[in-house]
C-alpha atoms as a PDB file:
ATOM      1  CA  MET A   1      -0.166   0.702  37.479  1.00  0.00           C
ATOM      2  CA  PRO A   2      -3.839   1.246  36.546  1.00  0.00           C
ATOM      3  CA  GLN A   3      -4.486   0.959  32.834  1.00  0.00           C
ATOM      4  CA  LYS A   4      -7.117   2.485  30.587  1.00  0.00           C
ATOM      5  CA  LYS A   5      -9.658   0.110  29.074  1.00  0.00           C
ATOM      6  CA  SER A   6      -9.856   0.356  25.299  1.00  0.00           C
ATOM      7  CA  ASN A   7     -13.038   1.954  23.933  1.00  0.00           C
ATOM      8  CA  LYS A   8     -14.176   2.672  27.461  1.00  0.00           C
ATOM      9  CA  LYS A   9     -17.639   4.211  27.722  1.00  0.00           C
ATOM     10  CA  VAL A  10     -17.567   7.580  29.468  1.00  0.00           C
ATOM     11  CA  LYS A  11     -19.571   7.542  32.692  1.00  0.00           C
ATOM     12  CA  TRP A  12     -20.407  10.586  34.789  1.00  0.00           C
ATOM     13  CA  ILE A  13     -21.392  11.380  38.352  1.00  0.00           C
ATOM     14  CA  SER A  14     -21.920  15.091  38.892  1.00  0.00           C
ATOM     15  CA  HIS A  15     -18.775  16.763  37.443  1.00  0.00           C
ATOM     16  CA  TYR A  16     -16.541  13.658  37.611  1.00  0.00           C
ATOM     17  CA  THR A  17     -15.955  11.012  34.937  1.00  0.00           C
ATOM     18  CA  ASN A  18     -14.188   7.678  34.643  1.00  0.00           C
ATOM     19  CA  ASN A  19     -11.895   9.211  32.022  1.00  0.00           C
ATOM     20  CA  GLN A  20     -10.313  11.547  34.566  1.00  0.00           C
ATOM     21  CA  ARG A  21      -7.258  10.519  36.555  1.00  0.00           C
ATOM     22  CA  ILE A  22      -8.612  11.241  40.048  1.00  0.00           C
ATOM     23  CA  LEU A  23      -6.811  11.531  43.386  1.00  0.00           C
ATOM     24  CA  LEU A  24      -8.892  11.789  46.563  1.00  0.00           C
ATOM     25  CA  VAL A  25      -7.152  12.883  49.752  1.00  0.00           C
ATOM     26  CA  GLY A  26      -8.296  13.137  53.350  1.00  0.00           C
ATOM     27  CA  GLU A  27     -10.947  10.465  52.950  1.00  0.00           C
ATOM     28  CA  GLY A  28     -12.858   9.602  56.118  1.00  0.00           C
ATOM     29  CA  ASP A  29     -14.635   6.283  55.697  1.00  0.00           C
ATOM     30  CA  PHE A  30     -13.958   6.209  51.923  1.00  0.00           C
ATOM     31  CA  SER A  31     -17.664   6.476  51.146  1.00  0.00           C
ATOM     32  CA  PHE A  32     -17.108   9.321  48.670  1.00  0.00           C
ATOM     33  CA  SER A  33     -14.472   7.365  46.762  1.00  0.00           C
ATOM     34  CA  ASP A  34     -16.737   4.326  46.784  1.00  0.00           C
ATOM     35  CA  CYS A  35     -19.619   6.429  45.460  1.00  0.00           C
ATOM     36  CA  LEU A  36     -17.533   7.481  42.456  1.00  0.00           C
ATOM     37  CA  ALA A  37     -16.275   3.942  41.880  1.00  0.00           C
ATOM     38  CA  ARG A  38     -19.780   2.488  41.890  1.00  0.00           C
ATOM     39  CA  ALA A  39     -20.982   5.151  39.468  1.00  0.00           C
ATOM     40  CA  PHE A  40     -18.083   4.412  37.121  1.00  0.00           C
ATOM     41  CA  GLY A  41     -18.352   0.642  37.509  1.00  0.00           C
ATOM     42  CA  SER A  42     -14.581   0.578  37.944  1.00  0.00           C
ATOM     43  CA  ALA A  43     -11.987   2.503  39.928  1.00  0.00           C
ATOM     44  CA  THR A  44      -8.882   1.889  37.841  1.00  0.00           C
ATOM     45  CA  ASN A  45      -8.700   5.637  37.151  1.00  0.00           C
ATOM     46  CA  MET A  46      -8.689   6.499  40.862  1.00  0.00           C
ATOM     47  CA  VAL A  47      -6.321   6.754  43.803  1.00  0.00           C
ATOM     48  CA  ALA A  48      -8.118   7.096  47.151  1.00  0.00           C
ATOM     49  CA  SER A  49      -6.130   8.055  50.241  1.00  0.00           C
ATOM     50  CA  SER A  50      -6.466   8.836  53.921  1.00  0.00           C
ATOM     51  CA  LEU A  51      -4.260  10.439  56.534  1.00  0.00           C
ATOM     52  CA  ASP A  52      -5.153   7.643  58.947  1.00  0.00           C
ATOM     53  CA  SER A  53      -3.569   4.222  58.827  1.00  0.00           C
ATOM     54  CA  GLU A  54      -5.710   1.254  57.848  1.00  0.00           C
ATOM     55  CA  ARG A  55      -5.506   0.026  61.434  1.00  0.00           C
ATOM     56  CA  THR A  56      -6.720   3.360  62.831  1.00  0.00           C
ATOM     57  CA  LEU A  57      -9.621   3.424  60.389  1.00  0.00           C
ATOM     58  CA  LYS A  58     -11.008   0.208  61.844  1.00  0.00           C
ATOM     59  CA  THR A  59     -11.744   1.996  65.104  1.00  0.00           C
ATOM     60  CA  LYS A  60     -12.056   5.628  64.027  1.00  0.00           C
ATOM     61  CA  HIS A  61     -14.239   5.035  60.960  1.00  0.00           C
ATOM     62  CA  TRP A  62     -15.434   1.458  61.290  1.00  0.00           C
ATOM     63  CA  THR A  63     -17.836   2.011  58.394  1.00  0.00           C
ATOM     64  CA  SER A  64     -14.786   2.249  56.125  1.00  0.00           C
ATOM     65  CA  GLN A  65     -14.238  -1.496  55.823  1.00  0.00           C
ATOM     66  CA  ALA A  66     -17.100  -2.195  53.418  1.00  0.00           C
ATOM     67  CA  HIS A  67     -16.131   0.800  51.275  1.00  0.00           C
ATOM     68  CA  LEU A  68     -12.507  -0.309  51.124  1.00  0.00           C
ATOM     69  CA  GLN A  69     -13.540  -3.784  50.026  1.00  0.00           C
ATOM     70  CA  SER A  70     -15.687  -2.245  47.306  1.00  0.00           C
ATOM     71  CA  LEU A  71     -12.827  -0.040  46.096  1.00  0.00           C
ATOM     72  CA  TRP A  72     -10.320  -2.888  46.037  1.00  0.00           C
ATOM     73  CA  SER A  73     -12.728  -5.073  44.079  1.00  0.00           C
ATOM     74  CA  ARG A  74     -13.018  -2.336  41.438  1.00  0.00           C
ATOM     75  CA  GLY A  75      -9.273  -1.886  41.043  1.00  0.00           C
ATOM     76  CA  CYS A  76      -8.769   1.312  43.027  1.00  0.00           C
ATOM     77  CA  LEU A  77      -5.316   2.076  44.373  1.00  0.00           C
ATOM     78  CA  VAL A  78      -5.848   2.798  48.087  1.00  0.00           C
ATOM     79  CA  LEU A  79      -3.151   4.511  50.130  1.00  0.00           C
ATOM     80  CA  HIS A  80      -3.018   5.270  53.850  1.00  0.00           C
ATOM     81  CA  GLY A  81      -0.865   7.693  55.805  1.00  0.00           C
ATOM     82  CA  VAL A  82      -0.949  10.317  53.035  1.00  0.00           C
ATOM     83  CA  ASN A  83      -0.330  13.786  54.445  1.00  0.00           C
ATOM     84  CA  VAL A  84      -1.305  16.719  52.222  1.00  0.00           C
ATOM     85  CA  HIS A  85       1.720  18.642  53.537  1.00  0.00           C
ATOM     86  CA  THR A  86       4.062  16.149  51.870  1.00  0.00           C
ATOM     87  CA  MET A  87       1.933  14.270  49.339  1.00  0.00           C
ATOM     88  CA  ASP A  88       3.853  15.555  46.311  1.00  0.00           C
ATOM     89  CA  ARG A  89       6.881  13.698  47.700  1.00  0.00           C
ATOM     90  CA  HIS A  90       5.011  10.496  48.536  1.00  0.00           C
ATOM     91  CA  PRO A  91       6.954   7.539  47.057  1.00  0.00           C
ATOM     92  CA  THR A  92       3.962   6.424  44.980  1.00  0.00           C
ATOM     93  CA  LEU A  93       2.118   9.671  44.280  1.00  0.00           C
ATOM     94  CA  SER A  94       5.239  11.578  43.264  1.00  0.00           C
ATOM     95  CA  GLN A  95       5.400   9.410  40.144  1.00  0.00           C
ATOM     96  CA  MET A  96       1.849  10.312  39.067  1.00  0.00           C
ATOM     97  CA  LYS A  97      -0.037  13.188  37.491  1.00  0.00           C
ATOM     98  CA  PHE A  98      -3.770  13.780  37.911  1.00  0.00           C
ATOM     99  CA  ASP A  99      -6.625  15.514  36.140  1.00  0.00           C
ATOM    100  CA  VAL A 100      -8.562  16.137  39.351  1.00  0.00           C
ATOM    101  CA  ILE A 101      -7.378  16.178  42.973  1.00  0.00           C
ATOM    102  CA  ILE A 102     -10.217  16.247  45.505  1.00  0.00           C
ATOM    103  CA  PHE A 103     -10.238  17.254  49.173  1.00  0.00           C
ATOM    104  CA  ASN A 104     -13.722  17.217  50.701  1.00  0.00           C
ATOM    105  CA  PHE A 105     -14.302  19.178  53.909  1.00  0.00           C
ATOM    106  CA  PRO A 106     -10.690  19.536  55.068  1.00  0.00           C
ATOM    107  CA  HIS A 107     -10.301  19.925  58.801  1.00  0.00           C
ATOM    108  CA  ALA A 108      -7.139  20.255  60.873  1.00  0.00           C
ATOM    109  CA  GLY A 109      -8.681  18.515  63.897  1.00  0.00           C
ATOM    110  CA  HIS A 110      -8.453  19.698  67.459  1.00  0.00           C
ATOM    111  CA  SER A 111      -7.844  18.193  70.880  1.00  0.00           C
ATOM    112  CA  PRO A 112      -9.224  19.213  73.311  1.00  0.00           C
ATOM    113  CA  PRO A 113     -12.377  20.349  71.464  1.00  0.00           C
ATOM    114  CA  LEU A 114     -12.274  23.990  70.395  1.00  0.00           C
ATOM    115  CA  SER A 115     -14.803  26.381  68.955  1.00  0.00           C
ATOM    116  CA  GLU A 116     -14.558  26.652  65.172  1.00  0.00           C
ATOM    117  CA  GLN A 117     -14.276  30.404  65.746  1.00  0.00           C
ATOM    118  CA  ASP A 118     -11.036  29.962  67.690  1.00  0.00           C
ATOM    119  CA  THR A 119      -8.368  32.133  66.029  1.00  0.00           C
ATOM    120  CA  ASN A 120      -5.595  29.562  66.355  1.00  0.00           C
ATOM    121  CA  LEU A 121      -7.792  26.793  64.986  1.00  0.00           C
ATOM    122  CA  ILE A 122      -8.732  28.903  61.964  1.00  0.00           C
ATOM    123  CA  LYS A 123      -5.021  29.463  61.363  1.00  0.00           C
ATOM    124  CA  ARG A 124      -4.430  25.696  61.458  1.00  0.00           C
ATOM    125  CA  HIS A 125      -7.220  25.138  58.948  1.00  0.00           C
ATOM    126  CA  LYS A 126      -5.709  27.749  56.639  1.00  0.00           C
ATOM    127  CA  ASN A 127      -2.286  26.116  56.908  1.00  0.00           C
ATOM    128  CA  LEU A 128      -3.845  22.780  55.976  1.00  0.00           C
ATOM    129  CA  LEU A 129      -5.633  24.255  52.976  1.00  0.00           C
ATOM    130  CA  GLU A 130      -2.535  26.074  51.795  1.00  0.00           C
ATOM    131  CA  ALA A 131      -0.468  22.891  52.019  1.00  0.00           C
ATOM    132  CA  PHE A 132      -3.041  20.970  50.000  1.00  0.00           C
ATOM    133  CA  LEU A 133      -3.244  23.626  47.298  1.00  0.00           C
ATOM    134  CA  LYS A 134       0.521  24.042  47.114  1.00  0.00           C
ATOM    135  CA  ASN A 135       1.291  20.337  46.859  1.00  0.00           C
ATOM    136  CA  GLY A 136      -1.724  19.532  44.721  1.00  0.00           C
ATOM    137  CA  ARG A 137      -0.640  22.147  42.193  1.00  0.00           C
ATOM    138  CA  GLU A 138       2.593  20.221  41.626  1.00  0.00           C
ATOM    139  CA  MET A 139       0.716  16.974  40.959  1.00  0.00           C
ATOM    140  CA  LEU A 140      -1.591  18.181  38.194  1.00  0.00           C
ATOM    141  CA  GLY A 141      -1.391  17.013  34.631  1.00  0.00           C
ATOM    142  CA  GLU A 142      -1.999  19.431  31.780  1.00  0.00           C
ATOM    143  CA  GLY A 143      -5.315  21.194  32.271  1.00  0.00           C
ATOM    144  CA  GLY A 144      -5.766  19.634  35.721  1.00  0.00           C
ATOM    145  CA  GLU A 145      -7.832  20.958  38.613  1.00  0.00           C
ATOM    146  CA  VAL A 146      -7.795  20.871  42.399  1.00  0.00           C
ATOM    147  CA  HIS A 147     -11.225  20.677  44.031  1.00  0.00           C
ATOM    148  CA  VAL A 148     -11.893  21.775  47.603  1.00  0.00           C
ATOM    149  CA  THR A 149     -15.350  21.340  49.117  1.00  0.00           C
ATOM    150  CA  LEU A 150     -16.098  23.566  52.103  1.00  0.00           C
ATOM    151  CA  ARG A 151     -18.846  25.163  54.049  1.00  0.00           C
ATOM    152  CA  ASP A 152     -18.906  28.793  52.977  1.00  0.00           C
ATOM    153  CA  ASP A 153     -20.711  30.287  55.955  1.00  0.00           C
ATOM    154  CA  HIS A 154     -19.186  31.806  59.096  1.00  0.00           C
ATOM    155  CA  PRO A 155     -16.632  30.937  60.466  1.00  0.00           C
ATOM    156  CA  TYR A 156     -15.530  28.609  57.661  1.00  0.00           C
ATOM    157  CA  ASN A 157     -15.412  31.425  55.128  1.00  0.00           C
ATOM    158  CA  GLN A 158     -12.657  32.925  57.300  1.00  0.00           C
ATOM    159  CA  TRP A 159     -10.331  30.243  55.922  1.00  0.00           C
ATOM    160  CA  ASN A 160     -10.058  32.386  52.774  1.00  0.00           C
ATOM    161  CA  VAL A 161      -9.573  29.561  50.295  1.00  0.00           C
ATOM    162  CA  MET A 162      -9.780  32.010  47.372  1.00  0.00           C
ATOM    163  CA  GLY A 163      -6.974  34.155  48.737  1.00  0.00           C
ATOM    164  CA  LEU A 164      -4.784  31.156  49.493  1.00  0.00           C
ATOM    165  CA  ALA A 165      -5.239  29.813  45.977  1.00  0.00           C
ATOM    166  CA  ASP A 166      -4.485  33.165  44.384  1.00  0.00           C
ATOM    167  CA  LYS A 167      -1.242  33.446  46.328  1.00  0.00           C
ATOM    168  CA  LEU A 168      -0.182  30.068  44.922  1.00  0.00           C
ATOM    169  CA  GLY A 169      -0.910  30.906  41.293  1.00  0.00           C
ATOM    170  CA  LEU A 170      -4.229  29.091  41.141  1.00  0.00           C
ATOM    171  CA  VAL A 171      -7.346  30.673  39.709  1.00  0.00           C
ATOM    172  CA  LEU A 172     -10.968  29.843  40.352  1.00  0.00           C
ATOM    173  CA  LYS A 173     -12.480  28.049  37.377  1.00  0.00           C
ATOM    174  CA  GLU A 174     -15.871  27.463  38.981  1.00  0.00           C
ATOM    175  CA  LYS A 175     -17.659  27.475  42.321  1.00  0.00           C
ATOM    176  CA  VAL A 176     -20.555  25.038  42.428  1.00  0.00           C
ATOM    177  CA  GLU A 177     -23.016  24.151  45.149  1.00  0.00           C
ATOM    178  CA  PHE A 178     -22.264  20.825  46.812  1.00  0.00           C
ATOM    179  CA  LEU A 179     -25.381  18.707  47.166  1.00  0.00           C
ATOM    180  CA  LYS A 180     -24.923  15.530  49.126  1.00  0.00           C
ATOM    181  CA  GLN A 181     -27.777  13.825  47.290  1.00  0.00           C
ATOM    182  CA  ASP A 182     -25.718  14.012  44.104  1.00  0.00           C
ATOM    183  CA  PHE A 183     -23.374  11.434  45.635  1.00  0.00           C
ATOM    184  CA  PRO A 184     -25.467   8.454  46.817  1.00  0.00           C
ATOM    185  CA  GLY A 185     -23.954   6.611  49.737  1.00  0.00           C
ATOM    186  CA  TYR A 186     -21.587   9.406  50.748  1.00  0.00           C
ATOM    187  CA  HIS A 187     -21.443   9.988  54.506  1.00  0.00           C
ATOM    188  CA  ASN A 188     -19.451  13.004  55.654  1.00  0.00           C
ATOM    189  CA  LYS A 189     -17.475  12.246  58.819  1.00  0.00           C
ATOM    190  CA  ARG A 190     -16.188  14.471  61.598  1.00  0.00           C
ATOM    191  CA  GLY A 191     -12.762  12.869  61.605  1.00  0.00           C
ATOM    192  CA  GLY A 192     -11.715  13.592  65.176  1.00  0.00           C
ATOM    193  CA  GLY A 193     -12.592  12.883  68.791  1.00  0.00           C
ATOM    194  CA  VAL A 194     -15.002  10.334  70.219  1.00  0.00           C
ATOM    195  CA  LYS A 195     -17.642  11.249  67.621  1.00  0.00           C
ATOM    196  CA  SER A 196     -15.316  10.736  64.674  1.00  0.00           C
ATOM    197  CA  ASN A 197     -17.725   8.448  62.834  1.00  0.00           C
ATOM    198  CA  LYS A 198     -20.616  10.913  63.208  1.00  0.00           C
ATOM    199  CA  LYS A 199     -21.768  13.323  60.526  1.00  0.00           C
ATOM    200  CA  PHE A 200     -21.608  17.112  60.718  1.00  0.00           C
ATOM    201  CA  PRO A 201     -24.148  19.646  59.411  1.00  0.00           C
ATOM    202  CA  LEU A 202     -23.753  20.533  55.744  1.00  0.00           C
ATOM    203  CA  LYS A 203     -24.809  24.158  55.309  1.00  0.00           C
ATOM    204  CA  GLU A 204     -23.972  26.441  52.395  1.00  0.00           C
ATOM    205  CA  CYS A 205     -21.450  23.992  50.975  1.00  0.00           C
ATOM    206  CA  PHE A 206     -19.587  24.597  47.739  1.00  0.00           C
ATOM    207  CA  THR A 207     -16.922  22.911  45.653  1.00  0.00           C
ATOM    208  CA  PHE A 208     -14.193  25.351  44.611  1.00  0.00           C
ATOM    209  CA  LYS A 209     -12.465  24.260  41.403  1.00  0.00           C
ATOM    210  CA  PHE A 210      -9.019  25.756  40.869  1.00  0.00           C
ATOM    211  CA  CYS A 211      -6.654  25.488  37.927  1.00  0.00           C
ATOM    212  CA  LEU A 212      -3.208  26.830  37.167  1.00  0.00           C
ATOM    213  CA  ALA A 213      -3.249  30.498  36.252  1.00  0.00           C
ATOM    214  CA  LYS A 214      -1.572  29.809  32.910  1.00  0.00           C
ATOM    215  CA  SER A 215      -4.378  27.426  31.866  1.00  0.00           C
ATOM    216  CA  SER A 216      -7.019  28.884  29.583  1.00  0.00           C
ATOM    217  CA  ALA A 217     -10.742  28.282  29.949  1.00  0.00           C
ATOM    218  CA  ASN A 218     -10.739  26.370  26.669  1.00  0.00           C
ATOM    219  CA  GLN A 219      -8.588  23.635  28.184  1.00  0.00           C
ATOM    220  CA  PHE A 220     -11.418  22.799  30.555  1.00  0.00           C
ATOM    221  CA  SER A 221     -14.404  22.928  28.239  1.00  0.00           C
ATOM    222  CA  LYS A 222     -13.777  19.328  27.146  1.00  0.00           C
ATOM    223  CA  VAL A 223     -14.044  18.024  30.685  1.00  0.00           C
ATOM    224  CA  GLY A 224     -16.668  20.408  31.983  1.00  0.00           C
ATOM    225  CA  ASN A 225     -19.274  20.321  29.250  1.00  0.00           C
ATOM    226  CA  ASP A 226     -18.514  17.905  26.424  1.00  0.00           C
ATOM    227  CA  PRO A 227     -18.431  14.197  27.284  1.00  0.00           C
ATOM    228  CA  SER A 228     -17.569  13.288  23.719  1.00  0.00           C
ATOM    229  CA  GLY A 229     -14.465  15.484  23.859  1.00  0.00           C
ATOM    230  CA  ILE A 230     -13.034  13.817  26.919  1.00  0.00           C
ATOM    231  CA  VAL A 231     -12.027  10.616  25.190  1.00  0.00           C
ATOM    232  CA  ALA A 232      -9.970  12.506  22.626  1.00  0.00           C
ATOM    233  CA  ALA A 233      -8.460  14.848  25.224  1.00  0.00           C
ATOM    234  CA  LEU A 234      -7.421  11.992  27.502  1.00  0.00           C
ATOM    235  CA  ASP A 235      -6.799   9.383  24.840  1.00  0.00           C
ATOM    236  CA  LYS A 236      -3.827   7.912  26.681  1.00  0.00           C
ATOM    237  CA  LEU A 237      -5.244   7.783  30.169  1.00  0.00           C
ATOM    238  CA  ASN A 238      -2.682   6.735  32.782  1.00  0.00           C
ATOM    239  CA  PHE A 239      -1.108   8.126  35.926  1.00  0.00           C
ATOM    240  CA  SER A 240       2.285   9.065  34.528  1.00  0.00           C
ATOM    241  CA  SER A 241       3.294  12.532  33.453  1.00  0.00           C
END
């Protein structure tokens, strides 16, 4: 089990710190996880996961191998075959609680290729988002957040992430613009088909930060704005409840 280093210096990248217990799901080539780990200098506070098996990644996202090596060398727990529909019952993850759970650019995939405006495909995307929010909610520690990064233009705004979250008792804490340049080395991947290792256009992208409805805004001020308060708030950093 990852352990907190004593007197650990707080390091930031965008709105993430090495004093947060972070779970990343739906990783493509693990470049986002690796970006955080390199910024922190360690990944002992992180669990990075993918739906794909390690074997599949070697062909689907062949760029993943260097990022995985980097994560392992920094002490990250890497898991494969993690499905957001069942992740709260995963034999390892079910024993953990997190401060931040991140899903960047969720996509339900499609074969054969379909238009993103296809009604059935939009429904599949919404089902995926709802499953992530529902299961992620059960895996949060006190004051925790689930982060979803999406394009917010048409037709992606038809996924109605705000409405799905509200139905599940999650409230929007903040909606912030996602700028790829804030995360050096991150390469967004398509995730399906013969062009799975290719990028896709990032237009009008935002990170939606949700928290439990019962949580007050004050519970988040330590993490959102005051680096010096984080150490005290998360004094016993670990992955247990």
